[in-house]
């Protein structure tokens, strides 16, 4: 089953680094690294030397010693993102934001008004460059999955339209890593049985993939290998999780203080959206760049900072032996299994339906005097680190 409408996947190129190059002409055409101890973003000039996001700063400079390192400016990236999304919404009202720098756009109803999907995509790229000053890559196809694959293949600063009658001709020669959900572990399992292209995945019976990868992953990859992705562009979809993460250098860190800062921020965002969560997820990236998650689901949904922090601390303490052995370069938290305010009130005991007195007081103070006006004693005098800007939660 196909979504019978053309979909654009628009993705800004090396977003943070591109904003820095836009704002400082001296950086244009030169290798740029955003971030110090850990690489938050790298320009394509730096990527050609092997620099990549989340790499340690010292290693990045060994690979590209002539790179220019600039501190991140999150407010500038947020402003640029808002300007780009205004262009998206001027193009079509059917916009589904995926992150601060990418979105799906449904342009199926614009053919008679504006022109072909390719013409719309060209105009979109030109408008983003003219109005915001940033390069953007666009993939066009009949499914979300294929549009996103097309934009990845077209990068940087490109446009790729996959004709409806050549979808599998385009998709099947690609490596299996292009399929959503195929990371290092899944790719290794496929490579071990000499499956390296999407065409080889498509040639397998779904039962063979299920035996190899499990029921969910096997069916998922079988569908994608045949470009079966019926999902429409969803406008105003509420975020299914709220999270924040902190990239860490190789030096010693007070992980408990960092965790407390992260939970403070995400719990406040949870309450401001009149939502609560049941599941706390701890996200870890180790010094060898492998990742792991730990999660715990609560009996009742909550937005109470103390409950969420206690749960996160329990997960962190359980992971400490592995952290000591392998080192850590990123710590993050996600609050998932979210509920809306009316649903929460039906599920919770009456005494638990409002935030704690301390949370309510702190929220009022921060709303009045600013987010950094009140902080935990353990965080006094500490660098709060960088919070990556996220899209606003739709109403």
Protein backbone atom coordinates (compact mmCIF):
# COMPACT_ATOMS: atom_id res chain seq x y z
CA UNK A 1 0.00 0.00 0.00
CA UNK A 2 1.37 3.42 -0.95
CA UNK A 3 0.66 6.94 0.17
CA UNK A 4 -0.71 8.25 -3.15
CA UNK A 5 0.67 11.76 -2.77
CA UNK A 6 4.11 13.24 -3.34
CA UNK A 7 6.07 13.84 -0.13
CA UNK A 8 9.10 16.05 0.34
CA UNK A 9 11.75 15.36 2.96
CA UNK A 10 13.62 18.61 3.54
CA UNK A 11 16.84 18.42 5.57
CA UNK A 12 19.22 21.29 6.30
CA UNK A 13 22.86 20.52 5.53
CA UNK A 14 25.32 20.38 8.48
CA UNK A 15 22.88 22.71 10.21
CA UNK A 16 24.84 24.21 13.12
CA UNK A 17 28.02 24.55 11.05
CA UNK A 18 26.08 26.07 8.14
CA UNK A 19 24.61 28.72 10.44
CA UNK A 20 28.12 29.60 11.62
CA UNK A 21 29.38 29.85 8.03
CA UNK A 22 26.39 31.98 7.07
CA UNK A 23 26.97 34.42 9.91
CA UNK A 24 30.76 34.66 9.55
CA UNK A 25 31.97 34.96 5.94
CA UNK A 26 35.50 34.05 7.06
CA UNK A 27 34.31 30.51 7.77
CA UNK A 28 32.83 29.85 4.34
CA UNK A 29 34.56 27.10 2.41
CA UNK A 30 36.70 26.21 5.42
CA UNK A 31 36.45 23.22 7.80
CA UNK A 32 34.37 24.23 10.81
CA UNK A 33 33.79 22.30 14.02
CA UNK A 34 31.03 23.42 16.38
CA UNK A 35 31.81 22.54 19.99
CA UNK A 36 35.01 22.07 21.93
CA UNK A 37 35.38 18.94 24.02
CA UNK A 38 32.85 17.08 21.87
CA UNK A 39 31.93 17.77 18.23
CA UNK A 40 28.32 18.94 18.07
CA UNK A 41 28.46 19.54 14.31
CA UNK A 42 30.99 19.65 11.50
CA UNK A 43 30.89 21.36 8.13
CA UNK A 44 31.23 19.21 5.04
CA UNK A 45 34.75 20.56 4.60
CA UNK A 46 35.61 19.02 7.99
CA UNK A 47 33.64 15.83 7.34
CA UNK A 48 35.87 15.08 4.35
CA UNK A 49 38.70 14.53 6.84
CA UNK A 50 36.66 12.06 8.87
CA UNK A 51 35.31 14.46 11.50
CA UNK A 52 31.85 13.47 12.68
CA UNK A 53 29.26 14.45 15.25
CA UNK A 54 29.88 13.17 18.82
CA UNK A 55 33.59 12.67 18.18
CA UNK A 56 36.00 13.91 20.84
CA UNK A 57 37.38 17.35 20.05
CA UNK A 58 41.03 16.28 20.36
CA UNK A 59 40.56 13.41 17.91
CA UNK A 60 38.71 15.69 15.49
CA UNK A 61 41.61 18.15 15.46
CA UNK A 62 44.09 15.35 14.87
CA UNK A 63 42.10 14.36 11.79
CA UNK A 64 41.64 17.95 10.65
CA UNK A 65 44.28 20.13 12.35
CA UNK A 66 43.42 23.21 10.28
CA UNK A 67 39.75 23.15 11.33
CA UNK A 68 38.26 26.24 12.96
CA UNK A 69 36.53 25.45 16.24
CA UNK A 70 33.64 27.72 17.21
CA UNK A 71 31.46 27.67 20.33
CA UNK A 72 27.82 26.71 19.79
CA UNK A 73 25.14 29.42 19.65
CA UNK A 74 21.89 27.63 20.36
CA UNK A 75 19.76 30.77 20.15
CA UNK A 76 21.01 31.39 16.60
CA UNK A 77 20.17 27.81 15.58
CA UNK A 78 16.69 28.08 17.09
CA UNK A 79 16.04 31.34 15.22
CA UNK A 80 17.25 29.83 11.95
CA UNK A 81 15.04 26.78 12.45
CA UNK A 82 11.95 28.92 13.04
CA UNK A 83 12.66 30.91 9.86
CA UNK A 84 13.06 27.74 7.81
CA UNK A 85 9.82 26.26 9.16
CA UNK A 86 8.04 29.47 8.14
CA UNK A 87 9.18 28.75 4.58
CA UNK A 88 7.92 25.18 4.92
CA UNK A 89 4.49 26.36 6.04
CA UNK A 90 4.35 28.98 3.30
CA UNK A 91 4.89 26.11 0.86
CA UNK A 92 2.17 23.82 2.25
CA UNK A 93 0.10 23.66 5.45
CA UNK A 94 0.85 19.94 5.69
CA UNK A 95 4.20 20.00 7.49
CA UNK A 96 5.42 17.36 9.94
CA UNK A 97 8.53 18.48 11.80
CA UNK A 98 10.96 15.71 12.68
CA UNK A 99 13.65 17.77 14.40
CA UNK A 100 15.03 21.28 14.50
CA UNK A 101 16.45 20.90 10.98
CA UNK A 102 14.20 18.51 9.02
CA UNK A 103 10.56 17.95 8.09
CA UNK A 104 8.19 16.09 5.81
CA UNK A 105 5.92 18.15 3.54
CA UNK A 106 2.84 16.81 1.75
CA UNK A 107 2.53 18.67 -1.58
CA UNK A 108 -0.04 16.42 -3.20
CA UNK A 109 -2.73 19.08 -3.45
CA UNK A 110 -0.52 21.74 -5.02
CA UNK A 111 -0.01 20.37 -8.51
CA UNK A 112 -2.66 22.51 -10.24
CA UNK A 113 -1.81 25.60 -8.19
CA UNK A 114 1.99 25.58 -8.09
CA UNK A 115 3.27 22.86 -10.39
CA UNK A 116 5.04 19.52 -10.18
CA UNK A 117 6.63 18.22 -6.96
CA UNK A 118 10.05 18.80 -8.48
CA UNK A 119 9.22 22.44 -9.21
CA UNK A 120 7.88 22.88 -5.67
CA UNK A 121 11.06 21.37 -4.24
CA UNK A 122 13.27 23.64 -6.35
CA UNK A 123 11.33 26.71 -5.20
CA UNK A 124 11.53 25.57 -1.59
CA UNK A 125 15.31 25.22 -1.77
CA UNK A 126 15.66 28.61 -3.43
CA UNK A 127 13.44 30.30 -0.84
CA UNK A 128 15.29 28.78 2.12
CA UNK A 129 18.59 29.98 0.63
CA UNK A 130 17.26 33.45 -0.21
CA UNK A 131 15.30 34.08 3.00
CA UNK A 132 17.38 32.21 5.59
CA UNK A 133 20.74 31.91 3.85
CA UNK A 134 21.12 28.17 4.37
CA UNK A 135 21.56 25.23 1.97
CA UNK A 136 18.92 22.53 2.20
CA UNK A 137 18.59 19.12 0.58
CA UNK A 138 15.23 17.77 -0.55
CA UNK A 139 14.16 14.25 -1.44
CA UNK A 140 10.84 13.65 -3.24
CA UNK A 141 8.96 10.35 -3.37
CA UNK A 142 5.57 8.77 -2.76
CA UNK A 143 6.44 7.50 0.73
CA UNK A 144 8.06 9.09 3.76
CA UNK A 145 10.68 6.38 3.87
CA UNK A 146 11.79 6.78 0.28
CA UNK A 147 11.71 10.60 0.45
CA UNK A 148 14.08 10.49 3.42
CA UNK A 149 16.36 8.01 1.67
CA UNK A 150 16.38 10.25 -1.40
CA UNK A 151 17.43 13.31 0.61
CA UNK A 152 20.22 11.32 2.28
CA UNK A 153 21.54 10.20 -1.12
CA UNK A 154 21.28 13.76 -2.52
CA UNK A 155 23.30 15.43 0.26
CA UNK A 156 24.83 17.92 0.44
CA UNK A 157 22.78 20.78 -1.05
CA UNK A 158 20.95 18.58 -3.53
CA UNK A 159 17.58 17.58 -4.89
CA UNK A 160 16.56 14.04 -5.82
CA UNK A 161 13.16 13.06 -7.19
CA UNK A 162 12.31 9.36 -7.26
CA UNK A 163 9.79 8.75 -10.08
CA UNK A 164 6.83 6.55 -9.16
CA UNK A 165 7.71 3.99 -11.83
CA UNK A 166 11.38 3.71 -10.76
CA UNK A 167 11.12 3.45 -6.98
CA UNK A 168 12.51 -0.06 -6.59
CA UNK A 169 15.08 0.58 -9.31
CA UNK A 170 16.42 3.39 -7.12
CA UNK A 171 16.03 1.62 -3.77
CA UNK A 172 17.26 -1.92 -4.38
CA UNK A 173 20.93 -1.26 -5.26
CA UNK A 174 21.44 0.71 -2.02
CA UNK A 175 23.23 -0.86 0.98
CA UNK A 176 21.09 -2.37 3.72
CA UNK A 177 22.20 0.42 6.06
CA UNK A 178 19.84 2.76 4.16
CA UNK A 179 16.83 0.91 5.62
CA UNK A 180 15.37 2.55 8.73
CA UNK A 181 16.27 0.54 11.79
CA UNK A 182 19.41 -1.04 10.38
CA UNK A 183 22.25 -0.06 12.68
CA UNK A 184 25.56 -1.77 13.32
CA UNK A 185 24.06 -4.82 15.06
CA UNK A 186 21.36 -5.51 12.47
CA UNK A 187 23.74 -4.79 9.58
CA UNK A 188 26.22 -7.29 11.04
CA UNK A 189 23.52 -9.98 11.23
CA UNK A 190 22.61 -9.38 7.60
CA UNK A 191 26.24 -9.25 6.47
CA UNK A 192 26.90 -12.54 8.25
CA UNK A 193 24.49 -14.25 5.84
CA UNK A 194 25.88 -12.29 2.88
CA UNK A 195 22.99 -9.83 2.62
CA UNK A 196 24.39 -6.42 1.74
CA UNK A 197 21.87 -4.67 -0.50
CA UNK A 198 18.21 -3.76 -0.17
CA UNK A 199 17.48 -5.96 -3.19
CA UNK A 200 18.79 -8.98 -1.29
CA UNK A 201 16.53 -8.14 1.66
CA UNK A 202 13.56 -7.79 -0.69
CA UNK A 203 14.29 -11.19 -2.24
CA UNK A 204 13.93 -12.94 1.12
CA UNK A 205 10.65 -14.31 2.36
CA UNK A 206 9.32 -12.42 5.36
CA UNK A 207 9.55 -15.60 7.46
CA UNK A 208 13.30 -15.80 6.75
CA UNK A 209 13.80 -12.23 7.94
CA UNK A 210 11.71 -12.90 11.05
CA UNK A 211 13.86 -15.93 11.86
CA UNK A 212 17.01 -13.87 11.42
CA UNK A 213 16.01 -10.59 13.08
CA UNK A 214 12.87 -11.22 15.13
CA UNK A 215 9.20 -10.65 14.36
CA UNK A 216 9.01 -6.85 14.52
CA UNK A 217 12.34 -6.07 12.81
CA UNK A 218 11.86 -8.76 10.16
CA UNK A 219 8.43 -7.54 9.10
CA UNK A 220 9.55 -3.91 9.26
CA UNK A 221 12.54 -4.40 6.96
CA UNK A 222 10.61 -6.62 4.56
CA UNK A 223 8.02 -3.86 4.11
CA UNK A 224 10.62 -1.12 3.63
CA UNK A 225 12.61 -3.19 1.14
CA UNK A 226 9.46 -3.17 -1.02
CA UNK A 227 8.84 0.55 -0.27
CA UNK A 228 5.68 -0.20 1.69
CA UNK A 229 5.17 2.76 3.99
CA UNK A 230 1.53 3.93 4.22
CA UNK A 231 2.11 6.64 6.84
CA UNK A 232 0.75 10.08 5.87
CA UNK A 233 2.32 13.40 6.81
CA UNK A 234 0.93 14.23 10.25
CA UNK A 235 0.38 17.86 11.16
CA UNK A 236 0.30 18.93 14.80
CA UNK A 237 1.22 15.50 16.14
CA UNK A 238 2.11 15.74 19.78
CA UNK A 239 5.57 14.62 20.69
CA UNK A 240 5.66 11.07 22.04
CA UNK A 241 8.66 11.78 24.23
CA UNK A 242 10.47 14.70 25.81
CA UNK A 243 14.20 14.50 26.30
CA UNK A 244 17.51 16.23 26.68
CA UNK A 245 21.10 15.10 26.51
CA UNK A 246 24.56 16.36 27.36
CA UNK A 247 27.70 15.60 25.37
CA UNK A 248 30.67 14.98 27.66
CA UNK A 249 34.39 15.30 27.14
CA UNK A 250 36.90 12.74 28.33
CA UNK A 251 37.55 14.44 31.66
CA UNK A 252 35.84 13.51 34.93
CA UNK A 253 32.22 14.64 35.32
CA UNK A 254 29.75 14.79 38.18
CA UNK A 255 27.17 12.61 36.46
CA UNK A 256 24.64 12.99 39.25
CA UNK A 257 24.70 16.78 38.96
CA UNK A 258 24.36 16.58 35.17
CA UNK A 259 21.47 14.16 35.54
CA UNK A 260 19.74 16.49 38.02
CA UNK A 261 20.10 19.39 35.58
CA UNK A 262 18.65 17.33 32.73
CA UNK A 263 15.68 16.14 34.79
CA UNK A 264 15.00 19.69 36.02
CA UNK A 265 14.72 20.88 32.44
CA UNK A 266 12.64 18.08 30.97
CA UNK A 267 10.24 17.88 33.92
CA UNK A 268 9.53 21.60 33.61
CA UNK A 269 8.83 21.18 29.88
CA UNK A 270 6.55 18.27 30.75
CA UNK A 271 4.51 20.40 33.16
CA UNK A 272 4.38 23.38 30.82
CA UNK A 273 2.78 21.12 28.21
CA UNK A 274 0.24 19.83 30.78
CA UNK A 275 1.56 16.32 30.35
CA UNK A 276 3.00 13.54 32.49
CA UNK A 277 5.00 10.42 31.79
CA UNK A 278 5.16 6.87 33.00
CA UNK A 279 8.51 5.77 31.59
CA UNK A 280 11.94 7.26 32.30
CA UNK A 281 14.68 6.35 29.82
CA UNK A 282 18.39 6.85 30.49
CA UNK A 283 20.52 7.18 27.34
CA UNK A 284 24.25 6.49 27.37
CA UNK A 285 27.00 6.72 24.81
CA UNK A 286 30.25 5.09 25.81
CA UNK A 287 33.79 6.10 24.92
CA UNK A 288 33.86 3.53 22.09
CA UNK A 289 30.77 5.28 20.58
CA UNK A 290 28.45 2.37 21.28
CA UNK A 291 25.13 3.28 22.87
CA UNK A 292 22.83 1.82 25.48
CA UNK A 293 19.50 2.66 27.07
CA UNK A 294 18.03 1.80 30.46
CA UNK A 295 14.38 2.40 31.31
CA UNK A 296 11.88 2.07 34.13
CA UNK A 297 8.09 2.36 33.95
CA UNK A 298 6.21 3.85 36.91
CA UNK A 299 2.86 2.66 38.22
CA UNK A 300 1.21 6.06 37.71
CA UNK A 301 2.08 8.90 35.29
CA UNK A 302 3.80 11.85 36.92
CA UNK A 303 5.41 15.22 36.21
CA UNK A 304 6.96 15.48 39.68
CA UNK A 305 10.66 16.32 39.51
CA UNK A 306 11.62 14.39 42.64
CA UNK A 307 9.98 11.17 41.43
CA UNK A 308 11.53 11.44 37.97
CA UNK A 309 14.96 12.24 39.39
CA UNK A 310 14.84 9.33 41.83
CA UNK A 311 13.96 6.98 38.99
CA UNK A 312 16.72 8.35 36.76
CA UNK A 313 19.26 8.05 39.58
CA UNK A 314 18.29 4.43 40.09
CA UNK A 315 18.97 3.74 36.40
CA UNK A 316 22.26 5.65 36.48
CA UNK A 317 23.48 3.80 39.58
CA UNK A 318 22.70 0.47 37.92
CA UNK A 319 24.74 1.50 34.88
CA UNK A 320 27.77 2.83 36.82
CA UNK A 321 29.85 -0.38 36.66
CA UNK A 322 29.62 -0.34 32.87
CA UNK A 323 30.35 3.42 32.76
CA UNK A 324 33.48 2.99 34.91
CA UNK A 325 34.70 0.18 32.68
CA UNK A 326 33.96 1.73 29.28
CA UNK A 327 33.91 5.49 29.87
CA UNK A 328 31.07 7.81 28.88
CA UNK A 329 30.77 10.59 26.28
CA UNK A 330 27.04 11.35 26.42
CA UNK A 331 24.34 11.25 29.09
CA UNK A 332 20.70 11.81 28.22
CA UNK A 333 17.20 11.29 29.56
CA UNK A 334 13.88 10.83 27.80
CA UNK A 335 10.42 10.86 29.33
CA UNK A 336 8.11 8.64 27.31
CA UNK A 337 4.73 6.95 27.55
CA UNK A 338 3.23 10.43 27.79
CA UNK A 339 -0.36 11.25 28.64
CA UNK A 340 -2.45 14.39 28.27
CA UNK A 341 -3.76 16.30 31.25
CA UNK A 342 -7.34 15.01 31.02
CA UNK A 343 -6.15 11.41 30.73
CA UNK A 344 -3.75 11.86 33.63
CA UNK A 345 -6.51 13.09 35.93
CA UNK A 346 -8.56 9.97 35.23
CA UNK A 347 -5.61 7.71 36.02
CA UNK A 348 -4.18 9.37 39.12
CA UNK A 349 -5.43 9.43 42.69
CA UNK A 350 -6.93 12.85 43.51
CA UNK A 351 -4.02 13.75 45.79
CA UNK A 352 -1.53 13.30 42.92
CA UNK A 353 -3.25 15.38 40.25
CA UNK A 354 -1.21 18.56 40.66
CA UNK A 355 2.56 19.13 40.76
CA UNK A 356 4.26 19.21 44.12
CA UNK A 357 4.40 22.50 45.99
CA UNK A 358 8.14 22.85 45.34
CA UNK A 359 7.74 22.26 41.58
CA UNK A 360 4.87 24.74 41.39
CA UNK A 361 6.85 27.42 43.25
CA UNK A 362 9.98 26.91 41.15
CA UNK A 363 7.96 27.03 37.93
CA UNK A 364 6.40 30.34 38.93
CA UNK A 365 9.78 31.83 39.85
CA UNK A 366 11.38 30.68 36.60
CA UNK A 367 8.45 31.96 34.55
CA UNK A 368 8.79 35.35 36.19
CA UNK A 369 12.56 35.77 36.48
CA UNK A 370 13.95 33.42 33.84
CA UNK A 371 14.85 29.76 33.57
CA UNK A 372 18.25 30.18 35.24
CA UNK A 373 17.00 32.29 38.16
CA UNK A 374 16.60 29.25 40.43
CA UNK A 375 18.84 26.20 40.41
CA UNK A 376 19.84 23.30 42.60
CA UNK A 377 22.55 23.86 45.20
CA UNK A 378 24.63 21.08 43.61
CA UNK A 379 24.66 23.04 40.34
CA UNK A 380 25.81 26.38 41.76
CA UNK A 381 28.97 27.56 40.06
CA UNK A 382 28.85 24.76 37.50
CA UNK A 383 28.67 25.11 33.75
CA UNK A 384 25.09 24.09 32.92
CA UNK A 385 26.22 22.67 29.59
CA UNK A 386 24.35 22.81 26.30
CA UNK A 387 20.70 21.99 25.76
CA UNK A 388 19.95 21.11 22.16
CA UNK A 389 16.90 23.09 20.95
CA UNK A 390 13.86 21.02 20.00
CA UNK A 391 10.71 21.71 18.06
CA UNK A 392 7.84 23.08 20.16
CA UNK A 393 5.24 20.55 21.18
CA UNK A 394 2.16 21.23 18.99
CA UNK A 395 -1.07 22.24 20.71
